[in-house]
Structures are given as C-alpha cells and as structure tokens.
Amino acid sequence: MTPSRSHLIRQLRADIQQATGRTYNIDFDSFDELSIREMMRLLIDLKFEHQRALNNEKARMRRTPWLVR
C-alpha cells in the first residue's frame, strides 16, 4: 500500500525542515505525486552526498593531520 498524498506532503515538509532547519512556503499541493516522490528522492540524495563529503573530509584529516587547522 502506498502512502496517501497528504502523508507524502507532510513527510516531505518534515524532511526539508529537518535537513535545513527552516520551513519553506512551497505549494506542494500543486505537485503531482511523481514530483513529490522525486523531491523526496532528491532530499535522500542530498543527505547521502553530505554524508559522503563528511566522510571524505574525515579521511583526509586522518591522512594529513598536519594540515588540520
């Protein structure tokens, strides 16, 4: 069973607020279901890229601790 459209929109708003610490006045009701799912996918991809960047920075700091400021 797929979540209802209103549930997807609530989840998307919550994920955006968690990721940014802000709320945005975006009219998600005007989006079709595919667009809402794509926005959710975008947020997941951005979280993954952020985590990968942090991991790369930690690895660089372990390899070259003398460059850490």
PDB file of N, CA and C in Angstrom:
ATOM      1  N   MET A   1       0.843  -1.172   0.000  1.00  0.00           N
ATOM      2  CA  MET A   1       0.000   0.000   0.000  1.00  0.00           C
ATOM      3  C   MET A   1       0.894   1.244   0.000  1.00  0.00           C
ATOM      4  N   THR A   2       0.609   2.178  -0.872  1.00  0.00           N
ATOM      5  CA  THR A   2       1.406   3.395  -0.930  1.00  0.00           C
ATOM      6  C   THR A   2       0.817   4.433   0.023  1.00  0.00           C
ATOM      7  N   PRO A   3       1.681   5.254   0.585  1.00  0.00           N
ATOM      8  CA  PRO A   3       1.181   6.287   1.492  1.00  0.00           C
ATOM      9  C   PRO A   3       0.274   7.270   0.748  1.00  0.00           C
ATOM     10  N   SER A   4      -0.637   7.880   1.469  1.00  0.00           N
ATOM     11  CA  SER A   4      -1.534   8.856   0.854  1.00  0.00           C
ATOM     12  C   SER A   4      -0.747  10.102   0.443  1.00  0.00           C
ATOM     13  N   ARG A   5      -1.325  10.835  -0.466  1.00  0.00           N
ATOM     14  CA  ARG A   5      -0.698  12.062  -0.964  1.00  0.00           C
ATOM     15  C   ARG A   5      -0.439  13.047   0.177  1.00  0.00           C
ATOM     16  N   SER A   6      -1.398  13.216   1.064  1.00  0.00           N
ATOM     17  CA  SER A   6      -1.217  14.165   2.174  1.00  0.00           C
ATOM     18  C   SER A   6      -0.091  13.703   3.106  1.00  0.00           C
ATOM     19  N   HIS A   7       0.022  12.388   3.276  1.00  0.00           N
ATOM     20  CA  HIS A   7       1.110  11.861   4.099  1.00  0.00           C
ATOM     21  C   HIS A   7       2.462  12.142   3.433  1.00  0.00           C
ATOM     22  N   LEU A   8       2.554  11.954   2.119  1.00  0.00           N
ATOM     23  CA  LEU A   8       3.800  12.233   1.402  1.00  0.00           C
ATOM     24  C   LEU A   8       4.196  13.704   1.539  1.00  0.00           C
ATOM     25  N   ILE A   9       3.211  14.589   1.436  1.00  0.00           N
ATOM     26  CA  ILE A   9       3.492  16.018   1.547  1.00  0.00           C
ATOM     27  C   ILE A   9       3.960  16.363   2.965  1.00  0.00           C
ATOM     28  N   ARG A  10       3.300  15.811   3.976  1.00  0.00           N
ATOM     29  CA  ARG A  10       3.733  16.052   5.369  1.00  0.00           C
ATOM     30  C   ARG A  10       5.155  15.544   5.580  1.00  0.00           C
ATOM     31  N   GLN A  11       5.443  14.358   5.048  1.00  0.00           N
ATOM     32  CA  GLN A  11       6.782  13.785   5.192  1.00  0.00           C
ATOM     33  C   GLN A  11       7.825  14.640   4.481  1.00  0.00           C
ATOM     34  N   LEU A  12       7.495  15.121   3.295  1.00  0.00           N
ATOM     35  CA  LEU A  12       8.411  15.967   2.532  1.00  0.00           C
ATOM     36  C   LEU A  12       8.695  17.262   3.288  1.00  0.00           C
ATOM     37  N   ARG A  13       7.665  17.895   3.810  1.00  0.00           N
ATOM     38  CA  ARG A  13       7.865  19.126   4.591  1.00  0.00           C
ATOM     39  C   ARG A  13       8.743  18.863   5.820  1.00  0.00           C
ATOM     40  N   ALA A  14       8.499  17.751   6.496  1.00  0.00           N
ATOM     41  CA  ALA A  14       9.287  17.409   7.686  1.00  0.00           C
ATOM     42  C   ALA A  14      10.743  17.137   7.313  1.00  0.00           C
ATOM     43  N   ASP A  15      10.958  16.434   6.220  1.00  0.00           N
ATOM     44  CA  ASP A  15      12.332  16.139   5.786  1.00  0.00           C
ATOM     45  C   ASP A  15      13.083  17.408   5.401  1.00  0.00           C
ATOM     46  N   ILE A  16      12.401  18.316   4.720  1.00  0.00           N
ATOM     47  CA  ILE A  16      13.041  19.587   4.347  1.00  0.00           C
ATOM     48  C   ILE A  16      13.383  20.389   5.589  1.00  0.00           C
ATOM     49  N   GLN A  17      12.460  20.451   6.538  1.00  0.00           N
ATOM     50  CA  GLN A  17      12.731  21.202   7.764  1.00  0.00           C
ATOM     51  C   GLN A  17      13.871  20.568   8.552  1.00  0.00           C
ATOM     52  N   GLN A  18      13.913  19.244   8.597  1.00  0.00           N
ATOM     53  CA  GLN A  18      14.998  18.572   9.320  1.00  0.00           C
ATOM     54  C   GLN A  18      16.337  18.824   8.639  1.00  0.00           C
ATOM     55  N   ALA A  19      16.355  18.802   7.323  1.00  0.00           N
ATOM     56  CA  ALA A  19      17.610  18.970   6.588  1.00  0.00           C
ATOM     57  C   ALA A  19      18.138  20.396   6.652  1.00  0.00           C
ATOM     58  N   THR A  20      17.232  21.377   6.693  1.00  0.00           N
ATOM     59  CA  THR A  20      17.670  22.765   6.611  1.00  0.00           C
ATOM     60  C   THR A  20      17.477  23.558   7.894  1.00  0.00           C
ATOM     61  N   GLY A  21      16.597  23.059   8.775  1.00  0.00           N
ATOM     62  CA  GLY A  21      16.281  23.815   9.976  1.00  0.00           C
ATOM     63  C   GLY A  21      15.315  24.956   9.713  1.00  0.00           C
ATOM     64  N   ARG A  22      14.738  24.985   8.518  1.00  0.00           N
ATOM     65  CA  ARG A  22      13.823  26.053   8.131  1.00  0.00           C
ATOM     66  C   ARG A  22      12.559  25.459   7.526  1.00  0.00           C
ATOM     67  N   THR A  23      11.521  26.274   7.503  1.00  0.00           N
ATOM     68  CA  THR A  23      10.316  25.898   6.761  1.00  0.00           C
ATOM     69  C   THR A  23      10.249  26.770   5.516  1.00  0.00           C
ATOM     70  N   TYR A  24       9.690  26.230   4.455  1.00  0.00           N
ATOM     71  CA  TYR A  24       9.582  26.938   3.192  1.00  0.00           C
ATOM     72  C   TYR A  24       8.123  26.964   2.762  1.00  0.00           C
ATOM     73  N   ASN A  25       7.710  28.054   2.171  1.00  0.00           N
ATOM     74  CA  ASN A  25       6.337  28.222   1.709  1.00  0.00           C
ATOM     75  C   ASN A  25       6.247  27.713   0.264  1.00  0.00           C
ATOM     76  N   ILE A  26       6.282  26.404   0.110  1.00  0.00           N
ATOM     77  CA  ILE A  26       6.206  25.761  -1.203  1.00  0.00           C
ATOM     78  C   ILE A  26       4.839  25.104  -1.312  1.00  0.00           C
ATOM     79  N   ASP A  27       4.158  25.337  -2.406  1.00  0.00           N
ATOM     80  CA  ASP A  27       2.823  24.779  -2.616  1.00  0.00           C
ATOM     81  C   ASP A  27       2.943  23.355  -3.160  1.00  0.00           C
ATOM     82  N   PHE A  28       3.218  22.411  -2.263  1.00  0.00           N
ATOM     83  CA  PHE A  28       3.353  21.016  -2.684  1.00  0.00           C
ATOM     84  C   PHE A  28       2.027  20.421  -3.154  1.00  0.00           C
ATOM     85  N   ASP A  29       0.918  21.050  -2.775  1.00  0.00           N
ATOM     86  CA  ASP A  29      -0.383  20.556  -3.230  1.00  0.00           C
ATOM     87  C   ASP A  29      -0.529  20.669  -4.747  1.00  0.00           C
ATOM     88  N   SER A  30       0.225  21.587  -5.343  1.00  0.00           N
ATOM     89  CA  SER A  30       0.143  21.733  -6.793  1.00  0.00           C
ATOM     90  C   SER A  30       1.042  20.733  -7.529  1.00  0.00           C
ATOM     91  N   PHE A  31       1.876  19.997  -6.797  1.00  0.00           N
ATOM     92  CA  PHE A  31       2.751  18.992  -7.402  1.00  0.00           C
ATOM     93  C   PHE A  31       1.961  17.710  -7.629  1.00  0.00           C
ATOM     94  N   ASP A  32       2.307  16.998  -8.684  1.00  0.00           N
ATOM     95  CA  ASP A  32       1.722  15.665  -8.848  1.00  0.00           C
ATOM     96  C   ASP A  32       2.500  14.680  -7.972  1.00  0.00           C
ATOM     97  N   GLU A  33       1.979  13.479  -7.822  1.00  0.00           N
ATOM     98  CA  GLU A  33       2.594  12.511  -6.919  1.00  0.00           C
ATOM     99  C   GLU A  33       4.024  12.169  -7.334  1.00  0.00           C
ATOM    100  N   LEU A  34       4.269  12.066  -8.633  1.00  0.00           N
ATOM    101  CA  LEU A  34       5.621  11.757  -9.105  1.00  0.00           C
ATOM    102  C   LEU A  34       6.599  12.865  -8.704  1.00  0.00           C
ATOM    103  N   SER A  35       6.193  14.105  -8.836  1.00  0.00           N
ATOM    104  CA  SER A  35       7.059  15.225  -8.457  1.00  0.00           C
ATOM    105  C   SER A  35       7.355  15.219  -6.964  1.00  0.00           C
ATOM    106  N   ILE A  36       6.358  14.890  -6.161  1.00  0.00           N
ATOM    107  CA  ILE A  36       6.572  14.804  -4.715  1.00  0.00           C
ATOM    108  C   ILE A  36       7.577  13.704  -4.400  1.00  0.00           C
ATOM    109  N   ARG A  37       7.416  12.548  -5.037  1.00  0.00           N
ATOM    110  CA  ARG A  37       8.360  11.447  -4.813  1.00  0.00           C
ATOM    111  C   ARG A  37       9.767  11.808  -5.287  1.00  0.00           C
ATOM    112  N   GLU A  38       9.863  12.538  -6.390  1.00  0.00           N
ATOM    113  CA  GLU A  38      11.172  12.966  -6.890  1.00  0.00           C
ATOM    114  C   GLU A  38      11.826  13.955  -5.926  1.00  0.00           C
ATOM    115  N   MET A  39      11.041  14.837  -5.322  1.00  0.00           N
ATOM    116  CA  MET A  39      11.581  15.759  -4.322  1.00  0.00           C
ATOM    117  C   MET A  39      12.112  14.983  -3.116  1.00  0.00           C
ATOM    118  N   MET A  40      11.376  13.959  -2.706  1.00  0.00           N
ATOM    119  CA  MET A  40      11.833  13.128  -1.596  1.00  0.00           C
ATOM    120  C   MET A  40      13.126  12.413  -1.970  1.00  0.00           C
ATOM    121  N   ARG A  41      13.191  11.932  -3.193  1.00  0.00           N
ATOM    122  CA  ARG A  41      14.403  11.261  -3.666  1.00  0.00           C
ATOM    123  C   ARG A  41      15.585  12.236  -3.692  1.00  0.00           C
ATOM    124  N   LEU A  42      15.322  13.469  -4.117  1.00  0.00           N
ATOM    125  CA  LEU A  42      16.359  14.493  -4.123  1.00  0.00           C
ATOM    126  C   LEU A  42      16.903  14.727  -2.719  1.00  0.00           C
ATOM    127  N   LEU A  43      16.025  14.815  -1.732  1.00  0.00           N
ATOM    128  CA  LEU A  43      16.475  15.015  -0.354  1.00  0.00           C
ATOM    129  C   LEU A  43      17.337  13.856   0.128  1.00  0.00           C
ATOM    130  N   ILE A  44      16.945  12.639  -0.214  1.00  0.00           N
ATOM    131  CA  ILE A  44      17.742  11.465   0.170  1.00  0.00           C
ATOM    132  C   ILE A  44      19.111  11.534  -0.477  1.00  0.00           C
ATOM    133  N   ASP A  45      19.157  11.894  -1.767  1.00  0.00           N
ATOM    134  CA  ASP A  45      20.440  12.005  -2.468  1.00  0.00           C
ATOM    135  C   ASP A  45      21.316  13.088  -1.850  1.00  0.00           C
ATOM    136  N   LEU A  46      20.710  14.216  -1.478  1.00  0.00           N
ATOM    137  CA  LEU A  46      21.484  15.296  -0.866  1.00  0.00           C
ATOM    138  C   LEU A  46      22.040  14.888   0.495  1.00  0.00           C
ATOM    139  N   LYS A  47      21.247  14.164   1.276  1.00  0.00           N
ATOM    140  CA  LYS A  47      21.736  13.660   2.562  1.00  0.00           C
ATOM    141  C   LYS A  47      22.912  12.718   2.357  1.00  0.00           C
ATOM    142  N   PHE A  48      22.812  11.842   1.345  1.00  0.00           N
ATOM    143  CA  PHE A  48      23.892  10.906   1.044  1.00  0.00           C
ATOM    144  C   PHE A  48      25.147  11.660   0.624  1.00  0.00           C
ATOM    145  N   GLU A  49      25.007  12.647  -0.249  1.00  0.00           N
ATOM    146  CA  GLU A  49      26.170  13.427  -0.702  1.00  0.00           C
ATOM    147  C   GLU A  49      26.808  14.182   0.459  1.00  0.00           C
ATOM    148  N   HIS A  50      26.001  14.722   1.345  1.00  0.00           N
ATOM    149  CA  HIS A  50      26.527  15.425   2.516  1.00  0.00           C
ATOM    150  C   HIS A  50      27.326  14.469   3.394  1.00  0.00           C
ATOM    151  N   GLN A  51      26.782  13.281   3.635  1.00  0.00           N
ATOM    152  CA  GLN A  51      27.476  12.301   4.466  1.00  0.00           C
ATOM    153  C   GLN A  51      28.783  11.864   3.806  1.00  0.00           C
ATOM    154  N   ARG A  52      28.756  11.688   2.495  1.00  0.00           N
ATOM    155  CA  ARG A  52      29.973  11.283   1.783  1.00  0.00           C
ATOM    156  C   ARG A  52      31.035  12.377   1.884  1.00  0.00           C
ATOM    157  N   ALA A  53      30.634  13.630   1.770  1.00  0.00           N
ATOM    158  CA  ALA A  53      31.588  14.734   1.891  1.00  0.00           C
ATOM    159  C   ALA A  53      32.200  14.765   3.293  1.00  0.00           C
ATOM    160  N   LEU A  54      31.380  14.533   4.313  1.00  0.00           N
ATOM    161  CA  LEU A  54      31.913  14.489   5.678  1.00  0.00           C
ATOM    162  C   LEU A  54      32.901  13.350   5.850  1.00  0.00           C
ATOM    163  N   ASN A  55      32.557  12.188   5.311  1.00  0.00           N
ATOM    164  CA  ASN A  55      33.453  11.038   5.416  1.00  0.00           C
ATOM    165  C   ASN A  55      34.762  11.290   4.682  1.00  0.00           C
ATOM    166  N   ASN A  56      34.707  11.934   3.517  1.00  0.00           N
ATOM    167  CA  ASN A  56      35.924  12.252   2.772  1.00  0.00           C
ATOM    168  C   ASN A  56      36.801  13.218   3.547  1.00  0.00           C
ATOM    169  N   GLU A  57      36.172  14.196   4.194  1.00  0.00           N
ATOM    170  CA  GLU A  57      36.934  15.160   4.982  1.00  0.00           C
ATOM    171  C   GLU A  57      37.582  14.488   6.190  1.00  0.00           C
ATOM    172  N   LYS A  58      36.867  13.591   6.840  1.00  0.00           N
ATOM    173  CA  LYS A  58      37.438  12.867   7.980  1.00  0.00           C
ATOM    174  C   LYS A  58      38.613  12.021   7.533  1.00  0.00           C
ATOM    175  N   ALA A  59      38.487  11.366   6.384  1.00  0.00           N
ATOM    176  CA  ALA A  59      39.581  10.538   5.861  1.00  0.00           C
ATOM    177  C   ALA A  59      40.788  11.415   5.521  1.00  0.00           C
ATOM    178  N   ARG A  60      40.556  12.580   4.935  1.00  0.00           N
ATOM    179  CA  ARG A  60      41.658  13.491   4.613  1.00  0.00           C
ATOM    180  C   ARG A  60      42.353  13.957   5.878  1.00  0.00           C
ATOM    181  N   MET A  61      41.591  14.222   6.929  1.00  0.00           N
ATOM    182  CA  MET A  61      42.179  14.674   8.182  1.00  0.00           C
ATOM    183  C   MET A  61      43.029  13.570   8.816  1.00  0.00           C
ATOM    184  N   ARG A  62      42.612  12.305   8.658  1.00  0.00           N
ATOM    185  CA  ARG A  62      43.416  11.196   9.197  1.00  0.00           C
ATOM    186  C   ARG A  62      44.711  11.023   8.407  1.00  0.00           C
ATOM    187  N   ARG A  63      44.638  11.228   7.079  1.00  0.00           N
ATOM    188  CA  ARG A  63      45.824  11.049   6.241  1.00  0.00           C
ATOM    189  C   ARG A  63      46.836  12.171   6.416  1.00  0.00           C
ATOM    190  N   THR A  64      46.335  13.392   6.612  1.00  0.00           N
ATOM    191  CA  THR A  64      47.220  14.557   6.690  1.00  0.00           C
ATOM    192  C   THR A  64      46.873  15.421   7.900  1.00  0.00           C
ATOM    193  N   PRO A  65      47.127  14.897   9.112  1.00  0.00           N
ATOM    194  CA  PRO A  65      46.743  15.666  10.318  1.00  0.00           C
ATOM    195  C   PRO A  65      47.497  16.979  10.456  1.00  0.00           C
ATOM    196  N   TRP A  66      48.634  17.121   9.823  1.00  0.00           N
ATOM    197  CA  TRP A  66      49.398  18.353   9.939  1.00  0.00           C
ATOM    198  C   TRP A  66      48.752  19.503   9.155  1.00  0.00           C
ATOM    199  N   LEU A  67      47.784  19.169   8.265  1.00  0.00           N
ATOM    200  CA  LEU A  67      47.092  20.207   7.520  1.00  0.00           C
ATOM    201  C   LEU A  67      45.812  20.665   8.192  1.00  0.00           C
ATOM    202  N   VAL A  68      45.437  20.020   9.300  1.00  0.00           N
ATOM    203  CA  VAL A  68      44.203  20.381  10.007  1.00  0.00           C
ATOM    204  C   VAL A  68      44.425  21.730  10.690  1.00  0.00           C
ATOM    205  N   ARG A  69      43.503  22.626  10.497  1.00  0.00           N
ATOM    206  CA  ARG A  69      43.641  23.973  11.084  1.00  0.00           C
ATOM    207  C   ARG A  69      42.948  24.051  12.392  1.00  0.00           C
TER     208      ARG A  69
END
